[in-house]
Structures are given as structure tokens and as C-alpha cells.
Amino acid sequence: MKKKMELSREAIACKEVGHTDINRRGSVVLTACFLLLVFLVPMAQIALDRGEVFEPMLSLPGKTGISIAAAVNYANQSVLKNIDQLETQIEEDSLLRRIFLPSMQYVFFRFLGHGNEKVLPGRNAHLFYSAGIDYLLGQSFIDPGELVKKTMDHNAWESPIQPDPVAAIVHFRDQLALRGIDLLIVPIPVKGGIEPENFVDGSFTRPLRNRGWSSFVSQLEEQNVRLFDVGPVLVDYSRRHGGAFLRTDTHWLSGAMEDMAQRLAEYIDTAYPHLSGRENEFKLRAEDVIGSGDIAGMLTLPADVKLSPLEQVTINQVLSQEDEYWQADPGSGVLLLGDSFTNMYSFKGLGWGFGAGLPEHLSFRLRMSLDLIARNDSGAFTTREILARELSRGRDRLAGKKMVVWEFSERELFSGNWKMVELNLKDPVDSWFFVSAPGEKRMVTGLVSSISVSPRPGSVPYKDNIVTLHLVEIKEDGQDMEFDQALVYGWGMRDNILMDLVAVRAGDKITLKLSSWDDVEGENSSFRRTPLADELLELELPNWGELVDE
């Protein structure tokens, strides 16, 4: 009698998988459900986006004598850029993203301990910005090979970045030296470099830096560029107080900032004795502030979910003897350039109080007034560009200056664009751009020639963003104006909510209520702003604009 062959487990599995019994009714139902799912999502998205028309505008640069090859190349870059912007907008407005992303983010964060591409959860309820960790773990930011790679790593429609910080810093120092002005740079360490124990287990020699830091410092010393090392100051504060940074924020605690301002003032008093100021005219007033950090804001959690508990800090506002809040003094011999570390506790828009930040406390401890240019984000070049624009418009912000203190985040050394910025003082020139007078409000209609992009909410460490528009063919009450174009700033994002201006595209005809930028500059100048690609347009004086529904 023939013995029946026994099948292995693998053979049985293959046999069962390869043959599945299903009746006709079941197959029809499953097929119908599949097709419904395939068509339901795009149809719902179309219904949601009804009325929105994507019309990327393709235009050639306004130059005469442009070659055919250059025109074709420009057109190709414009198409690629428009495609990228369209894909990004479709992704951000996706119905599935809106429905599932917040809930999935909550599950991954709350139960699995995972963040997202921007947020890395640490220990003891600390959150870390991934860009800061990338700086610590990445290749040397000063390595020649890495600099070449970064120069080549850009989209076809974008200009290559200048990744070498030493070249940019020395270039800036040399331009200031021509006017007898000293430069002191103050890089601020990233949170993970000061508090690595709140990110991973291990024994560390703090502060941690990118592997190119030592070479960077050595090259600056060879070029006689002065650097104030904040790292040891923050490490010392962290050891004494159990931390130097907010738990859910990229920025320092107010006490750590004040300690650093004291040490920096002592260094300046010693290294630059000719800067000694007048008798101290300021006093301090304590105030408690409660808030949630910028890293927490980058977690795409459901609207009703809040990270708890909120953090409380005590800030010390700097006041005059007449109880007036500190103000920058353009006539001061010292100019402070800074990013959000400078604005923290100084600029109300960051949500941690005001009048108690680095400029105020450095001024308090130096016993003298300071001039200030500060802008959130892109500390590698933004403040230098603002200074350059002032000079190019005939406003000499360097008049009477003896020293420039330049503060920026260390992570900019790894990922920033260290473009060369020329400081050329020019005579004021006539412009054909309309500029609102202080206190004036004008209702105008015009064609959008170009508009800067706005980041997706939660994709950057800042919850507010200003966009820039170039408006042409402007009219008032249907009549042509004497000046037929204008540069306009306006809200693109407020408190991580996109504003109506974000939906505007080149080629759209819009109505704006324009007012003077001078009227709002003091309140809005420190907010992050995305500029236009045309650097010449950025030299024009701006207006402040609010979109009006027609």
C-alpha cells in the first residue's frame, strides 16, 4: 500500500494562499468597496477644493536681448518651480492628511514615543528639534568635501547656497573694519549639545558640538576674528539649575540668557574698554510667563490635545527709571544683530513675554544703550541683508558704530546659507514704487507679479510668517496711480494658521488695503519673513498690506 506523502508547512501555506474560495456576491461587494474607496477620496478632495484654481504663471524675465537658450532655461526652471509648489499645496491640503495625520501623530507620540521629521522626543518630557541633532551628528560643516556637496544640493530653480561660514564671517568683518568697526560673533549652542542627558543615556563631555567646531574656531583665530564661546556658560548654568533650555522649546531659559548676558558684558568690558558706557539708567521688574514651546507647535496633534503641563518662567523686564520699556537706540556705538535667541523674552510674538531678552539685559549689564537688528530664523544671512538694505537705501545704520555683536544659532553653521552680503552705503534714489505715508491707508487693486512662499504650519519653529508680494498695474478707485507698482508685506501665517494671502498666486488680480510699514515695523519687524527671489525688488521700501475680499 502506497504511503500518503505529508506536505511541509511551507507547502501547505503556499497551497492555501494560492487558492482562496469566495462566492460571487462576496467578490462583487469587495470590488465595489474597493472602487468606491478609490474614487471617493479624490472626489471629496475636488469638492473640498471647489473654486480654487491652480494657474501657475509662466513669465520671462523683463530683460531685452535675452538669448533663446537663456529664455528656455528660465521657462524650464519656472515650470519645475510651479510643479513643486503645486505638489506641495496639494499635499498640505489633502483631505486624508487633515483627517488622519493629527490622530496618527498623537498615537505615535503618546504611546510609541515617536515624533515626526521635525520633532524628536527626549527624556524627562523634553522635546528636541531635529535640525539641532543633525548639526551634532552630521559631517563636519567646515570639511571642503561637504562644502562642495552643499553647494550642489539645490533644486534646479534655486540659487546654490554659500555654505562656508568662515568665508562669510571674515568677509563681513573686513567690510566693518573699513569703517573702523569691530566684530564679535556669538554662536548659541543647540539644546542637545548642552543637555544631551535629556535625549539619550550616556556620559558626555559637554558642550557637544559638530565635529567641525574645533577647526572652525581655529580658522577664525587665524583670521583674528573674535568669538565669545557661550557653551561653557550654558553648561555651567545647566549644572547649577538642572537645565538651561525650556523643555518643549529650542530656546534657552530666561535665567540662562541673563547669565550669558552678564558673562558677555564682562567679556566686552575687558576686551573693548573703549566701549564703557554711562551710569546705569535701568532697573528690573520680575514677571511670570506661562507658555508652550515652539517644538511642541511642530507636532501635528489634534486641536483639543495640549502637551501638559505648560512651562512657567520668571522674566526680568528692563525698564528706565521712569518705568519705560527698553528701546533700541540707533545712535548707540554698539549694534546687536540677532535671531530668535535675541528675540526670546524680548519680542512678544514668540509668546514668552517682552522687554526682558538678550538686547535688554546686555544693555542693562553694559550700562549703555544698544542699536538692534533682529529677525527670527536664518541667522546666517538675514540680519546682514537687513543691514545691507538699510545702507543701499541711504540709511547709514553703521554711522557712529564702534562694534557689531552678531548672535546666531550654532545649527546655522551646518545648514545655513552663508551668502556674501555687500555693505554699500548709497545715496537715496527716486523710486517708481508706491510707498504709503505714515498714518495713511489706501485701497488699491493690482496684479500680483510675484509672491513669496509661506511654510506649512508646524514645519518651522515659528508659528508666524510674513509673505512678500510684488504688485504691478496698481489702481485706486479704478484710476491709474502715479507709481504703478509696490512692494507689500502681509501675514501669510498667524499662530500656525495659514492666512488668505497664502492662496494668492502670480497673475491674480487682488485688492489690498495698504498702510505704512513704518507704522507696524516696531511690532512686526522681528517676525520671520519669506523674501522674493528677486533681490533687487527687496531693496524697495515696503508697504503693509491686508487682503480685501471683493
Protein backbone atom coordinates (compact mmCIF):
# COMPACT_ATOMS: atom_id res chain seq x y z
CA MET A 1 0.00 0.00 0.00
CA LYS A 2 1.31 3.34 -1.06
CA LYS A 3 2.12 5.68 1.85
CA LYS A 4 0.47 9.11 1.63
CA MET A 5 3.03 11.90 1.24
CA GLU A 6 2.91 14.51 4.05
CA LEU A 7 3.25 18.15 2.96
CA SER A 8 5.55 20.53 4.72
CA ARG A 9 4.19 23.61 6.49
CA GLU A 10 5.56 25.82 3.71
CA ALA A 11 3.86 23.71 1.01
CA ILE A 12 0.54 23.80 2.87
CA ALA A 13 0.76 27.59 3.24
CA CYS A 14 1.53 28.05 -0.46
CA LYS A 15 -1.37 25.77 -1.41
CA GLU A 16 -3.84 27.62 0.82
CA VAL A 17 -2.68 31.10 -0.21
CA GLY A 18 -2.79 30.20 -3.88
CA HIS A 19 -6.40 29.03 -3.68
CA THR A 20 -8.97 31.18 -1.92
CA ASP A 21 -12.67 30.36 -2.13
CA ILE A 22 -15.04 33.32 -2.40
CA ASN A 23 -18.58 33.40 -3.72
CA ARG A 24 -19.72 35.75 -6.46
CA ARG A 25 -21.70 38.03 -4.14
CA GLY A 26 -18.69 38.49 -1.87
CA SER A 27 -16.42 39.31 -4.77
CA VAL A 28 -18.87 41.91 -6.09
CA VAL A 29 -19.16 43.58 -2.68
CA LEU A 30 -15.38 43.69 -2.16
CA THR A 31 -14.79 45.05 -5.65
CA ALA A 32 -17.46 47.71 -5.20
CA CYS A 33 -15.97 48.78 -1.86
CA PHE A 34 -12.50 49.00 -3.39
CA LEU A 35 -13.69 51.11 -6.34
CA LEU A 36 -15.73 53.34 -4.04
CA LEU A 37 -12.68 53.95 -1.86
CA VAL A 38 -10.50 54.67 -4.90
CA PHE A 39 -12.92 57.27 -6.29
CA LEU A 40 -14.37 58.67 -3.06
CA VAL A 41 -11.16 60.27 -1.78
CA PRO A 42 -10.28 62.28 -4.94
CA MET A 43 -13.92 63.28 -5.46
CA ALA A 44 -14.14 64.53 -1.86
CA GLN A 45 -10.89 66.42 -2.36
CA ILE A 46 -12.24 68.02 -5.55
CA ALA A 47 -15.40 69.07 -3.73
CA LEU A 48 -13.33 70.48 -0.89
CA ASP A 49 -11.13 72.47 -3.28
CA ARG A 50 -14.00 73.63 -5.48
CA GLY A 51 -13.50 77.19 -6.54
CA GLU A 52 -9.73 77.08 -6.16
CA VAL A 53 -7.93 77.24 -9.47
CA PHE A 54 -4.26 76.47 -9.82
CA GLU A 55 -2.85 78.69 -12.54
CA PRO A 56 0.92 78.79 -12.23
CA MET A 57 2.04 81.88 -14.09
CA LEU A 58 4.88 81.48 -16.50
CA SER A 59 6.65 84.67 -17.48
CA LEU A 60 10.03 85.52 -18.84
CA PRO A 61 12.34 87.95 -17.08
CA GLY A 62 11.90 91.53 -18.13
CA LYS A 63 15.21 91.86 -19.92
CA THR A 64 15.87 92.77 -23.50
CA GLY A 65 18.30 90.85 -25.66
CA ILE A 66 17.92 87.61 -23.71
CA SER A 67 19.15 84.59 -25.65
CA ILE A 68 16.85 81.76 -26.72
CA ALA A 69 18.83 79.29 -24.61
CA ALA A 70 18.53 81.50 -21.52
CA ALA A 71 14.80 82.00 -22.13
CA VAL A 72 14.23 78.25 -22.49
CA ASN A 73 16.25 77.57 -19.33
CA TYR A 74 14.31 80.18 -17.39
CA ALA A 75 11.00 78.80 -18.63
CA ASN A 76 12.03 75.27 -17.65
CA GLN A 77 13.00 76.39 -14.16
CA SER A 78 9.70 78.27 -13.79
CA VAL A 79 7.72 75.18 -14.78
CA LEU A 80 9.65 72.98 -12.33
CA LYS A 81 9.16 75.51 -9.55
CA ASN A 82 5.42 75.77 -10.23
CA ILE A 83 5.08 71.98 -10.28
CA ASP A 84 6.87 71.73 -6.95
CA GLN A 85 4.66 74.42 -5.38
CA LEU A 86 1.54 72.74 -6.76
CA GLU A 87 2.56 69.33 -5.39
CA THR A 88 3.32 70.88 -2.01
CA GLN A 89 -0.04 72.64 -1.84
CA ILE A 90 -1.94 69.51 -2.87
CA GLU A 91 -0.14 67.54 -0.17
CA GLU A 92 -0.78 70.16 2.51
CA ASP A 93 -4.47 70.50 1.58
CA SER A 94 -5.01 66.74 1.35
CA LEU A 95 -8.27 65.56 2.91
CA LEU A 96 -6.66 62.37 4.18
CA ARG A 97 -3.87 64.39 5.76
CA ARG A 98 -6.34 66.56 7.62
CA ILE A 99 -8.37 63.58 8.82
CA PHE A 100 -5.70 61.07 9.78
CA LEU A 101 -2.42 62.91 10.42
CA PRO A 102 -3.30 64.56 13.78
CA SER A 103 -4.74 61.32 15.22
CA MET A 104 -1.85 59.18 13.98
CA GLN A 105 0.64 61.75 15.25
CA TYR A 106 -1.00 61.60 18.68
CA VAL A 107 -0.88 57.79 18.79
CA PHE A 108 2.76 57.66 17.71
CA PHE A 109 3.78 60.39 20.15
CA ARG A 110 1.67 59.43 23.16
CA PHE A 111 2.01 55.65 23.09
CA LEU A 112 5.10 54.87 20.98
CA GLY A 113 7.33 57.81 21.89
CA HIS A 114 7.85 58.93 18.28
CA GLY A 115 7.75 62.48 16.95
CA ASN A 116 7.95 63.46 13.29
CA GLU A 117 10.52 64.74 10.81
CA LYS A 118 10.94 67.93 12.87
CA VAL A 119 10.44 66.76 16.47
CA LEU A 120 12.41 64.18 18.44
CA PRO A 121 11.02 63.27 21.88
CA GLY A 122 13.66 63.00 24.59
CA ARG A 123 13.71 62.02 28.22
CA ASN A 124 12.05 63.82 31.14
CA ALA A 125 9.37 65.34 28.86
CA HIS A 126 11.97 67.23 26.78
CA LEU A 127 11.47 67.76 23.04
CA PHE A 128 14.33 68.33 20.59
CA TYR A 129 14.43 69.98 17.18
CA SER A 130 15.76 67.50 14.62
CA ALA A 131 17.85 70.19 12.87
CA GLY A 132 19.82 70.67 16.09
CA ILE A 133 20.51 66.95 16.41
CA ASP A 134 21.52 66.84 12.74
CA TYR A 135 24.10 69.53 13.50
CA LEU A 136 25.57 67.47 16.33
CA LEU A 137 25.67 64.15 14.44
CA GLY A 138 26.36 65.40 10.92
CA GLN A 139 29.60 65.59 8.98
CA SER A 140 31.99 68.46 9.65
CA PHE A 141 30.38 71.68 8.45
CA ILE A 142 33.83 73.00 7.60
CA ASP A 143 35.07 69.99 5.60
CA PRO A 144 35.89 71.05 1.98
CA GLY A 145 34.17 67.99 0.52
CA GLU A 146 30.98 68.66 2.49
CA LEU A 147 31.01 72.30 1.42
CA VAL A 148 31.10 71.23 -2.22
CA LYS A 149 28.20 68.81 -1.69
CA LYS A 150 26.06 71.52 -0.09
CA THR A 151 26.80 73.88 -2.96
CA MET A 152 25.49 71.30 -5.42
CA ASP A 153 22.49 70.26 -3.32
CA HIS A 154 19.67 72.52 -4.51
CA ASN A 155 16.68 72.45 -6.82
CA ALA A 156 17.08 73.50 -10.45
CA TRP A 157 15.15 76.75 -9.90
CA GLU A 158 17.06 77.73 -6.76
CA SER A 159 20.36 79.54 -6.48
CA PRO A 160 23.14 77.49 -4.87
CA ILE A 161 23.88 78.33 -1.26
CA GLN A 162 27.23 79.55 0.05
CA PRO A 163 27.89 77.01 2.85
CA ASP A 164 31.23 78.25 4.21
CA PRO A 165 30.63 80.25 7.41
CA VAL A 166 34.27 81.26 7.83
CA ALA A 167 34.36 82.95 4.42
CA ALA A 168 31.16 84.90 5.15
CA ILE A 169 32.23 85.93 8.66
CA VAL A 170 35.67 87.12 7.51
CA HIS A 171 34.07 88.99 4.58
CA PHE A 172 31.67 90.73 6.99
CA ARG A 173 34.49 91.53 9.43
CA ASP A 174 36.61 93.06 6.66
CA GLN A 175 33.77 95.30 5.48
CA LEU A 176 33.17 96.56 9.02
CA ALA A 177 36.91 97.09 9.54
CA LEU A 178 36.97 99.50 6.59
CA ARG A 179 34.81 101.78 8.75
CA GLY A 180 36.77 101.14 11.94
CA ILE A 181 34.13 98.85 13.44
CA ASP A 182 35.00 95.72 15.46
CA LEU A 183 33.08 92.43 15.07
CA LEU A 184 32.31 89.93 17.82
CA ILE A 185 30.43 86.74 16.90
CA VAL A 186 28.31 84.89 19.45
CA PRO A 187 27.10 81.43 18.25
CA ILE A 188 24.46 79.90 20.55
CA PRO A 189 24.77 76.10 21.13
CA VAL A 190 21.85 73.82 20.33
CA LYS A 191 19.80 72.30 23.12
CA GLY A 192 21.11 68.76 22.60
CA GLY A 193 24.69 69.97 22.94
CA ILE A 194 24.05 71.39 26.41
CA GLU A 195 21.56 68.80 27.70
CA PRO A 196 22.40 65.51 25.92
CA GLU A 197 21.34 63.54 29.01
CA ASN A 198 17.75 64.60 28.28
CA PHE A 199 17.96 62.99 24.85
CA VAL A 200 19.89 59.74 25.30
CA ASP A 201 21.59 57.75 28.03
CA GLY A 202 25.33 58.07 28.35
CA SER A 203 28.22 60.00 29.80
CA PHE A 204 29.12 63.15 27.88
CA THR A 205 31.73 65.87 27.95
CA ARG A 206 29.59 68.94 27.46
CA PRO A 207 29.09 71.07 25.47
CA LEU A 208 28.70 68.75 22.50
CA ARG A 209 29.46 70.28 19.11
CA ASN A 210 29.63 69.30 15.49
CA ARG A 211 32.93 67.61 14.65
CA GLY A 212 33.95 70.69 12.65
CA TRP A 213 33.70 73.10 15.59
CA SER A 214 37.37 72.99 16.64
CA SER A 215 38.54 73.59 13.08
CA PHE A 216 36.04 76.45 12.76
CA VAL A 217 37.35 78.15 15.91
CA SER A 218 40.96 77.66 14.78
CA GLN A 219 40.30 79.21 11.38
CA LEU A 220 38.63 82.23 12.99
CA GLU A 221 41.59 82.66 15.33
CA GLU A 222 43.95 82.60 12.35
CA GLN A 223 41.86 85.34 10.76
CA ASN A 224 41.80 87.37 14.02
CA VAL A 225 38.02 87.14 14.32
CA ARG A 226 36.81 87.31 17.92
CA LEU A 227 34.33 84.68 19.15
CA PHE A 228 32.59 84.56 22.51
CA ASP A 229 32.02 80.89 23.43
CA VAL A 230 28.60 80.57 25.05
CA GLY A 231 28.89 76.77 25.50
CA PRO A 232 30.74 76.70 28.86
CA VAL A 233 28.43 79.40 30.24
CA LEU A 234 25.28 77.39 29.47
CA VAL A 235 26.82 74.12 30.70
CA ASP A 236 27.70 75.77 34.00
CA TYR A 237 24.17 77.18 34.34
CA SER A 238 22.63 73.82 33.44
CA ARG A 239 24.65 72.02 36.12
CA ARG A 240 23.68 74.56 38.77
CA HIS A 241 19.99 74.77 37.87
CA GLY A 242 19.17 71.38 36.35
CA GLY A 243 18.87 72.67 32.79
CA ALA A 244 19.44 75.70 30.57
CA PHE A 245 16.69 75.24 27.97
CA LEU A 246 12.90 75.13 28.00
CA ARG A 247 11.54 71.57 27.87
CA THR A 248 9.42 71.99 24.72
CA ASP A 249 11.32 74.81 23.01
CA THR A 250 14.55 75.30 21.06
CA HIS A 251 15.45 78.34 23.18
CA TRP A 252 17.09 78.96 26.50
CA LEU A 253 15.58 79.59 29.91
CA SER A 254 15.39 83.24 30.87
CA GLY A 255 17.87 82.70 33.71
CA ALA A 256 20.38 81.09 31.37
CA MET A 257 20.02 84.01 28.95
CA GLU A 258 20.57 86.53 31.74
CA ASP A 259 23.63 84.63 32.97
CA MET A 260 25.04 84.62 29.44
CA ALA A 261 24.33 88.37 29.04
CA GLN A 262 26.28 89.02 32.23
CA ARG A 263 29.28 86.97 31.06
CA LEU A 264 29.16 88.55 27.61
CA ALA A 265 29.07 92.04 29.10
CA GLU A 266 32.08 91.20 31.28
CA TYR A 267 33.96 89.94 28.22
CA ILE A 268 33.13 93.10 26.23
CA ASP A 269 34.13 95.36 29.13
CA THR A 270 37.51 93.60 29.28
CA ALA A 271 38.23 93.17 25.56
CA TYR A 272 36.76 96.53 24.45
CA PRO A 273 37.36 99.01 27.29
CA HIS A 274 36.72 101.97 24.96
CA LEU A 275 33.02 100.95 24.87
CA SER A 276 32.38 101.64 28.55
CA GLY A 277 29.04 103.40 28.81
CA ARG A 278 27.36 105.90 31.07
CA GLU A 279 25.93 105.25 34.52
CA ASN A 280 23.27 102.53 34.70
CA GLU A 281 19.88 104.09 33.98
CA PHE A 282 17.87 100.86 34.03
CA LYS A 283 16.09 98.74 36.62
CA LEU A 284 14.50 95.28 36.63
CA ARG A 285 10.91 94.15 37.19
CA ALA A 286 10.06 90.46 37.56
CA GLU A 287 7.10 88.92 35.78
CA ASP A 288 5.89 85.32 35.47
CA VAL A 289 5.15 83.99 31.97
CA ILE A 290 3.42 80.71 31.07
CA GLY A 291 3.67 79.20 27.61
CA SER A 292 4.25 76.23 25.32
CA GLY A 293 7.39 75.83 23.24
CA ASP A 294 8.00 76.12 19.51
CA ILE A 295 8.96 72.45 19.17
CA ALA A 296 5.63 71.41 20.68
CA GLY A 297 3.96 73.51 18.00
CA MET A 298 5.64 71.41 15.29
CA LEU A 299 3.79 68.31 16.49
CA THR A 300 0.68 67.95 14.34
CA LEU A 301 -1.59 66.93 17.20
CA PRO A 302 -5.41 67.23 17.29
CA ALA A 303 -6.58 70.74 18.16
CA ASP A 304 -8.02 69.65 21.52
CA VAL A 305 -4.80 67.91 22.62
CA LYS A 306 -2.33 70.02 24.55
CA LEU A 307 1.03 68.99 25.92
CA SER A 308 0.97 69.41 29.65
CA PRO A 309 1.99 70.84 31.89
CA LEU A 310 2.70 74.26 30.36
CA GLU A 311 6.02 75.78 31.35
CA GLN A 312 6.38 78.79 33.61
CA VAL A 313 9.39 81.08 33.67
CA THR A 314 10.16 84.28 35.53
CA ILE A 315 11.47 87.03 33.29
CA ASN A 316 13.07 90.29 34.39
CA GLN A 317 11.91 93.21 32.28
CA VAL A 318 14.40 96.03 31.83
CA LEU A 319 12.88 99.48 32.50
CA SER A 320 14.11 103.02 32.68
CA GLN A 321 13.94 104.90 35.95
CA GLU A 322 10.67 106.39 34.61
CA ASP A 323 9.21 102.85 34.14
CA GLU A 324 9.55 102.99 30.34
CA TYR A 325 10.32 99.78 28.46
CA TRP A 326 13.76 99.47 26.88
CA GLN A 327 14.06 100.65 23.28
CA ALA A 328 16.84 100.25 20.73
CA ASP A 329 18.96 103.35 20.18
CA PRO A 330 20.13 103.91 16.56
CA GLY A 331 22.66 106.40 17.88
CA SER A 332 24.43 103.83 20.04
CA GLY A 333 28.02 102.83 19.30
CA VAL A 334 27.11 99.12 19.54
CA LEU A 335 24.85 97.28 17.08
CA LEU A 336 23.46 93.86 18.02
CA LEU A 337 22.47 91.53 15.16
CA GLY A 338 20.46 88.52 16.31
CA ASP A 339 17.94 85.80 15.56
CA SER A 340 15.20 84.26 17.71
CA PHE A 341 17.62 83.71 20.62
CA THR A 342 17.94 87.50 20.72
CA ASN A 343 14.17 87.95 20.38
CA MET A 344 13.30 85.36 23.04
CA TYR A 345 11.74 87.15 26.05
CA SER A 346 12.18 90.41 24.13
CA PHE A 347 9.70 90.02 21.28
CA LYS A 348 6.06 89.44 22.22
CA GLY A 349 5.42 87.41 19.06
CA LEU A 350 7.36 84.41 20.41
CA GLY A 351 4.88 84.04 23.26
CA TRP A 352 7.28 84.33 26.20
CA GLY A 353 6.81 87.91 27.29
CA PHE A 354 8.67 91.00 26.14
CA GLY A 355 11.14 93.60 27.32
CA ALA A 356 13.32 91.00 29.04
CA GLY A 357 15.53 89.45 26.33
CA LEU A 358 19.17 89.49 25.36
CA PRO A 359 19.28 93.06 23.98
CA GLU A 360 17.66 94.46 27.12
CA HIS A 361 19.88 92.53 29.55
CA LEU A 362 23.08 93.10 27.61
CA SER A 363 22.28 96.81 27.59
CA PHE A 364 21.48 96.69 31.31
CA ARG A 365 24.78 94.99 32.15
CA LEU A 366 26.90 97.12 29.82
CA ARG A 367 25.29 100.21 31.34
CA MET A 368 24.70 101.67 27.88
CA SER A 369 22.14 101.75 25.10
CA LEU A 370 22.29 99.42 22.08
CA ASP A 371 21.13 99.52 18.48
CA LEU A 372 19.34 96.36 17.34
CA ILE A 373 18.52 94.42 14.17
CA ALA A 374 16.84 91.08 14.96
CA ARG A 375 14.82 88.66 12.87
CA ASN A 376 13.60 85.15 13.69
CA ASP A 377 15.20 82.37 11.60
CA SER A 378 18.07 82.28 9.06
CA GLY A 379 20.61 84.00 11.30
CA ALA A 380 23.36 83.14 8.81
CA PHE A 381 22.35 85.96 6.48
CA THR A 382 19.05 87.67 7.31
CA THR A 383 20.29 90.39 9.66
CA ARG A 384 23.23 91.17 7.38
CA GLU A 385 20.80 91.56 4.47
CA ILE A 386 18.58 93.89 6.51
CA LEU A 387 21.64 95.99 7.34
CA ALA A 388 22.72 95.99 3.69
CA ARG A 389 19.25 97.12 2.55
CA GLU A 390 19.30 99.98 5.01
CA LEU A 391 22.66 101.14 3.65
CA SER A 392 21.60 100.75 0.00
CA ARG A 393 18.57 102.98 0.68
CA GLY A 394 20.83 105.71 2.01
CA ARG A 395 20.17 104.98 5.69
CA ASP A 396 23.53 104.65 7.39
CA ARG A 397 22.88 102.24 10.28
CA LEU A 398 26.64 101.98 10.81
CA ALA A 399 27.16 105.70 11.45
CA GLY A 400 28.96 106.18 14.76
CA LYS A 401 29.23 102.44 15.39
CA LYS A 402 32.32 101.09 17.13
CA MET A 403 31.27 97.47 17.43
CA VAL A 404 28.86 94.90 15.97
CA VAL A 405 27.84 91.90 18.10
CA TRP A 406 26.49 89.16 15.82
CA GLU A 407 24.45 86.41 17.53
CA PHE A 408 23.24 83.34 15.63
CA SER A 409 22.35 79.72 16.36
CA GLU A 410 25.14 77.15 16.01
CA ARG A 411 22.94 74.95 13.84
CA GLU A 412 23.24 77.63 11.14
CA LEU A 413 26.89 76.64 10.79
CA PHE A 414 25.72 73.26 9.49
CA SER A 415 22.62 74.16 7.47
CA GLY A 416 22.65 77.93 6.89
CA ASN A 417 23.20 79.90 3.71
CA TRP A 418 26.31 81.98 4.40
CA LYS A 419 25.89 84.18 1.36
CA MET A 420 28.22 87.09 0.82
CA VAL A 421 26.41 90.35 1.53
CA GLU A 422 27.90 93.65 0.35
CA LEU A 423 27.60 96.65 2.67
CA ASN A 424 27.49 99.59 0.28
CA LEU A 425 26.22 102.95 1.52
CA LYS A 426 24.38 104.67 -1.34
CA ASP A 427 22.66 107.97 -1.83
CA PRO A 428 18.86 107.91 -1.63
CA VAL A 429 17.38 107.48 -5.11
CA ASP A 430 13.98 108.17 -6.62
CA SER A 431 11.81 105.09 -6.95
CA TRP A 432 8.76 104.32 -9.07
CA PHE A 433 7.36 102.12 -6.31
CA PHE A 434 4.39 103.37 -4.32
CA VAL A 435 5.06 103.79 -0.60
CA SER A 436 2.29 104.63 1.88
CA ALA A 437 2.92 107.60 4.12
CA PRO A 438 2.82 107.08 7.92
CA GLY A 439 -0.74 107.07 9.16
CA GLU A 440 -2.11 106.72 5.61
CA LYS A 441 -4.40 103.89 4.42
CA ARG A 442 -5.05 103.34 0.70
CA MET A 443 -7.32 100.82 -1.01
CA VAL A 444 -5.66 99.67 -4.23
CA THR A 445 -6.20 96.98 -6.85
CA GLY A 446 -3.31 95.41 -8.71
CA LEU A 447 -1.83 92.41 -10.46
CA VAL A 448 0.42 90.07 -8.48
CA SER A 449 3.71 89.83 -10.38
CA SER A 450 5.33 87.56 -7.78
CA ILE A 451 4.75 86.38 -4.22
CA SER A 452 6.98 84.55 -1.78
CA VAL A 453 6.03 81.16 -0.39
CA SER A 454 4.85 80.52 3.14
CA PRO A 455 5.89 77.46 5.17
CA ARG A 456 3.42 74.77 6.16
CA PRO A 457 2.18 75.20 9.75
CA GLY A 458 4.34 73.13 12.07
CA SER A 459 7.17 72.76 9.54
CA VAL A 460 9.30 75.53 11.08
CA PRO A 461 9.96 76.50 14.71
CA TYR A 462 7.92 79.68 14.34
CA LYS A 463 4.14 79.99 14.28
CA ASP A 464 4.01 83.29 12.36
CA ASN A 465 5.29 84.23 8.92
CA ILE A 466 5.12 87.32 6.71
CA VAL A 467 4.96 86.91 2.92
CA THR A 468 6.19 89.41 0.34
CA LEU A 469 4.34 90.50 -2.82
CA HIS A 470 5.35 92.47 -5.88
CA LEU A 471 2.21 94.27 -7.05
CA VAL A 472 2.04 95.88 -10.52
CA GLU A 473 -0.54 97.82 -12.54
CA ILE A 474 -1.95 99.21 -9.32
CA LYS A 475 -5.04 101.40 -9.42
CA GLU A 476 -7.04 103.36 -6.88
CA ASP A 477 -10.77 103.83 -7.46
CA GLY A 478 -10.23 102.41 -10.94
CA GLN A 479 -7.70 105.12 -11.85
CA ASP A 480 -4.02 104.60 -12.62
CA MET A 481 -1.70 105.79 -9.86
CA GLU A 482 1.43 107.86 -10.34
CA PHE A 483 3.52 104.95 -9.12
CA ASP A 484 2.34 101.76 -10.80
CA GLN A 485 3.96 99.09 -8.61
CA ALA A 486 4.52 98.36 -4.92
CA LEU A 487 6.37 96.01 -2.60
CA VAL A 488 4.00 94.67 0.05
CA TYR A 489 4.44 92.70 3.27
CA GLY A 490 1.47 90.83 4.74
CA TRP A 491 0.54 87.95 7.00
CA GLY A 492 0.99 84.50 5.47
CA MET A 493 0.69 82.56 8.72
CA ARG A 494 -0.52 83.53 12.18
CA ASP A 495 -0.33 81.20 15.17
CA ASN A 496 0.24 78.24 12.81
CA ILE A 497 -2.88 79.10 10.77
CA LEU A 498 -2.49 79.99 7.09
CA MET A 499 -3.90 83.37 6.09
CA ASP A 500 -5.75 84.27 2.88
CA LEU A 501 -2.64 85.74 1.24
CA VAL A 502 -1.13 82.25 1.01
CA ALA A 503 -3.71 81.31 -1.62
CA VAL A 504 -2.74 84.24 -3.84
CA ARG A 505 -0.77 83.32 -6.97
CA ALA A 506 1.24 85.26 -9.54
CA GLY A 507 -1.21 86.54 -12.12
CA ASP A 508 -4.07 87.08 -9.65
CA LYS A 509 -5.78 90.46 -9.54
CA ILE A 510 -6.34 91.40 -5.89
CA THR A 511 -7.45 94.31 -3.73
CA LEU A 512 -5.30 95.33 -0.77
CA LYS A 513 -5.60 97.88 1.98
CA LEU A 514 -2.12 99.37 2.10
CA SER A 515 -0.63 101.22 5.05
CA SER A 516 2.85 102.34 6.00
CA TRP A 517 5.36 99.69 7.04
CA ASP A 518 6.77 102.31 9.42
CA ASP A 519 3.50 102.17 11.36
CA VAL A 520 3.90 98.45 12.14
CA GLU A 521 7.65 97.89 11.83
CA GLY A 522 8.30 98.10 15.54
CA GLU A 523 5.70 95.40 16.20
CA ASN A 524 6.27 93.14 13.18
CA SER A 525 9.90 93.50 12.07
CA SER A 526 11.15 90.58 14.15
CA PHE A 527 8.69 88.07 12.70
CA ARG A 528 10.00 85.56 10.21
CA ARG A 529 9.53 86.79 6.62
CA THR A 530 9.95 84.91 3.35
CA PRO A 531 11.52 87.19 0.72
CA LEU A 532 11.07 87.35 -3.03
CA ALA A 533 13.57 85.62 -5.30
CA ASP A 534 14.45 88.93 -6.98
CA GLU A 535 16.96 90.55 -4.64
CA LEU A 536 16.64 93.93 -6.40
CA LEU A 537 12.95 94.11 -5.51
CA GLU A 538 13.86 93.51 -1.88
CA LEU A 539 15.71 96.85 -1.90
CA GLU A 540 12.47 98.80 -2.39
CA LEU A 541 10.65 100.33 0.57
CA PRO A 542 7.69 98.11 1.57
CA ASN A 543 4.07 98.72 2.44
CA TRP A 544 1.96 96.73 4.87
CA GLY A 545 -0.98 95.05 3.15
CA GLU A 546 -4.24 93.37 4.14
CA LEU A 547 -6.20 91.37 1.57
CA VAL A 548 -9.71 92.66 0.92
CA ASP A 549 -12.49 90.34 -0.27
CA GLU A 550 -14.06 91.61 -3.47
